[in-house]
C-alpha atoms as a PDB file:
ATOM      1  CA  MET A   1     -27.420 -21.303   1.045  1.00  0.00           C
ATOM      2  CA  LYS A   2     -25.023 -21.005  -1.822  1.00  0.00           C
ATOM      3  CA  GLN A   3     -21.666 -19.376  -0.676  1.00  0.00           C
ATOM      4  CA  THR A   4     -19.601 -17.341  -3.006  1.00  0.00           C
ATOM      5  CA  ILE A   5     -15.909 -17.766  -3.669  1.00  0.00           C
ATOM      6  CA  PHE A   6     -15.245 -14.746  -1.935  1.00  0.00           C
ATOM      7  CA  THR A   7     -17.022 -15.928   0.959  1.00  0.00           C
ATOM      8  CA  LYS A   8     -15.361 -19.322   1.077  1.00  0.00           C
ATOM      9  CA  ILE A   9     -11.666 -17.578   0.937  1.00  0.00           C
ATOM     10  CA  TRP A  10     -12.769 -15.029   3.823  1.00  0.00           C
ATOM     11  CA  LYS A  11     -13.951 -18.051   6.026  1.00  0.00           C
ATOM     12  CA  PHE A  12     -10.559 -19.880   5.285  1.00  0.00           C
ATOM     13  CA  TYR A  13      -8.408 -17.081   6.297  1.00  0.00           C
ATOM     14  CA  VAL A  14     -10.774 -15.938   9.448  1.00  0.00           C
ATOM     15  CA  GLU A  15     -10.552 -19.601  10.674  1.00  0.00           C
ATOM     16  CA  GLY A  16      -6.677 -19.810  10.142  1.00  0.00           C
ATOM     17  CA  PHE A  17      -6.058 -16.726  12.274  1.00  0.00           C
ATOM     18  CA  LYS A  18      -8.287 -17.708  14.890  1.00  0.00           C
ATOM     19  CA  ASN A  19      -6.354 -21.187  15.111  1.00  0.00           C
ATOM     20  CA  LEU A  20      -2.944 -19.274  15.420  1.00  0.00           C
ATOM     21  CA  SER A  21      -0.651 -19.946  18.238  1.00  0.00           C
ATOM     22  CA  SER A  22       0.948 -17.271  20.280  1.00  0.00           C
ATOM     23  CA  TRP A  23       3.861 -17.299  18.272  1.00  0.00           C
ATOM     24  CA  GLY A  24       2.202 -16.998  15.118  1.00  0.00           C
ATOM     25  CA  LYS A  25      -0.024 -13.923  16.408  1.00  0.00           C
ATOM     26  CA  GLN A  26       3.248 -12.122  17.595  1.00  0.00           C
ATOM     27  CA  VAL A  27       4.778 -12.645  14.234  1.00  0.00           C
ATOM     28  CA  TRP A  28       2.025 -11.384  12.428  1.00  0.00           C
ATOM     29  CA  ILE A  29       1.714  -8.137  14.759  1.00  0.00           C
ATOM     30  CA  VAL A  30       5.535  -7.773  13.923  1.00  0.00           C
ATOM     31  CA  ILE A  31       4.680  -7.972  10.318  1.00  0.00           C
ATOM     32  CA  LEU A  32       1.724  -5.229  10.565  1.00  0.00           C
ATOM     33  CA  VAL A  33       3.918  -2.991  12.545  1.00  0.00           C
ATOM     34  CA  LYS A  34       6.702  -3.209   9.994  1.00  0.00           C
ATOM     35  CA  LEU A  35       4.129  -2.498   7.155  1.00  0.00           C
ATOM     36  CA  PHE A  36       2.819   0.784   9.099  1.00  0.00           C
ATOM     37  CA  ILE A  37       6.204   1.855   9.535  1.00  0.00           C
ATOM     38  CA  MET A  38       7.162   1.389   5.844  1.00  0.00           C
ATOM     39  CA  PHE A  39       3.915   2.967   4.281  1.00  0.00           C
ATOM     40  CA  PHE A  40       2.985   5.722   6.587  1.00  0.00           C
ATOM     41  CA  ILE A  41       6.011   6.964   8.539  1.00  0.00           C
ATOM     42  CA  LEU A  42       8.752   6.748   5.692  1.00  0.00           C
ATOM     43  CA  LYS A  43       6.335   7.953   3.095  1.00  0.00           C
ATOM     44  CA  LEU A  44       5.772  11.248   5.325  1.00  0.00           C
ATOM     45  CA  PHE A  45       9.455  11.856   5.884  1.00  0.00           C
ATOM     46  CA  PHE A  46      11.306  10.643   2.866  1.00  0.00           C
ATOM     47  CA  PHE A  47       8.712  10.800  -0.166  1.00  0.00           C
ATOM     48  CA  PRO A  48       7.326  14.368   0.053  1.00  0.00           C
ATOM     49  CA  ASN A  49       4.620  14.915  -2.740  1.00  0.00           C
ATOM     50  CA  TYR A  50       6.906  16.347  -5.803  1.00  0.00           C
ATOM     51  CA  LEU A  51       3.995  17.395  -8.020  1.00  0.00           C
ATOM     52  CA  LYS A  52       1.989  18.915  -5.425  1.00  0.00           C
ATOM     53  CA  THR A  53       5.051  21.123  -4.284  1.00  0.00           C
ATOM     54  CA  ASN A  54       6.464  22.122  -7.483  1.00  0.00           C
ATOM     55  CA  PHE A  55       3.456  22.495  -9.982  1.00  0.00           C
ATOM     56  CA  SER A  56       0.476  24.667  -8.949  1.00  0.00           C
ATOM     57  CA  THR A  57      -2.217  23.255 -11.476  1.00  0.00           C
ATOM     58  CA  ASP A  58      -3.191  19.889 -12.535  1.00  0.00           C
ATOM     59  CA  ALA A  59      -2.372  20.777 -16.224  1.00  0.00           C
ATOM     60  CA  GLN A  60       1.228  21.492 -15.244  1.00  0.00           C
ATOM     61  CA  ARG A  61       1.379  18.343 -13.235  1.00  0.00           C
ATOM     62  CA  SER A  62       0.027  16.395 -16.150  1.00  0.00           C
ATOM     63  CA  ASN A  63       2.500  18.068 -18.907  1.00  0.00           C
ATOM     64  CA  HIS A  64       5.361  17.395 -16.603  1.00  0.00           C
ATOM     65  CA  VAL A  65       4.350  13.674 -16.198  1.00  0.00           C
ATOM     66  CA  LEU A  66       3.758  13.333 -19.926  1.00  0.00           C
ATOM     67  CA  GLU A  67       7.055  14.660 -20.914  1.00  0.00           C
ATOM     68  CA  ASN A  68       8.969  12.346 -18.606  1.00  0.00           C
ATOM     69  CA  LEU A  69       7.025   9.439 -19.879  1.00  0.00           C
ATOM     70  CA  THR A  70       7.418  10.102 -23.721  1.00  0.00           C
ATOM     71  CA  GLN A  71      10.797  11.704 -23.723  1.00  0.00           C
ATOM     72  CA  PRO A  72      14.039   9.585 -23.224  1.00  0.00           C
ATOM     73  CA  HIS A  73      16.420  10.156 -20.330  1.00  0.00           C
ATOM     74  CA  LYS A  74      19.201  12.162 -21.181  1.00  0.00           C
END
């Protein structure tokens, strides 16, 4: 059976993670926890959805984005 490039890449990483030492697995756990904190927890508290809270319709949101992209900053 012919393997695609994606199948080969997937098998490469799966085998690599299976053969990690306990130290390597702990490092990956720390990396995943840090990514979770950065992308989920911090986003909830420090990066509110500005467009949803300040504009009620999609047209208003798109106009605001268009104006900010096309006009130079003052």
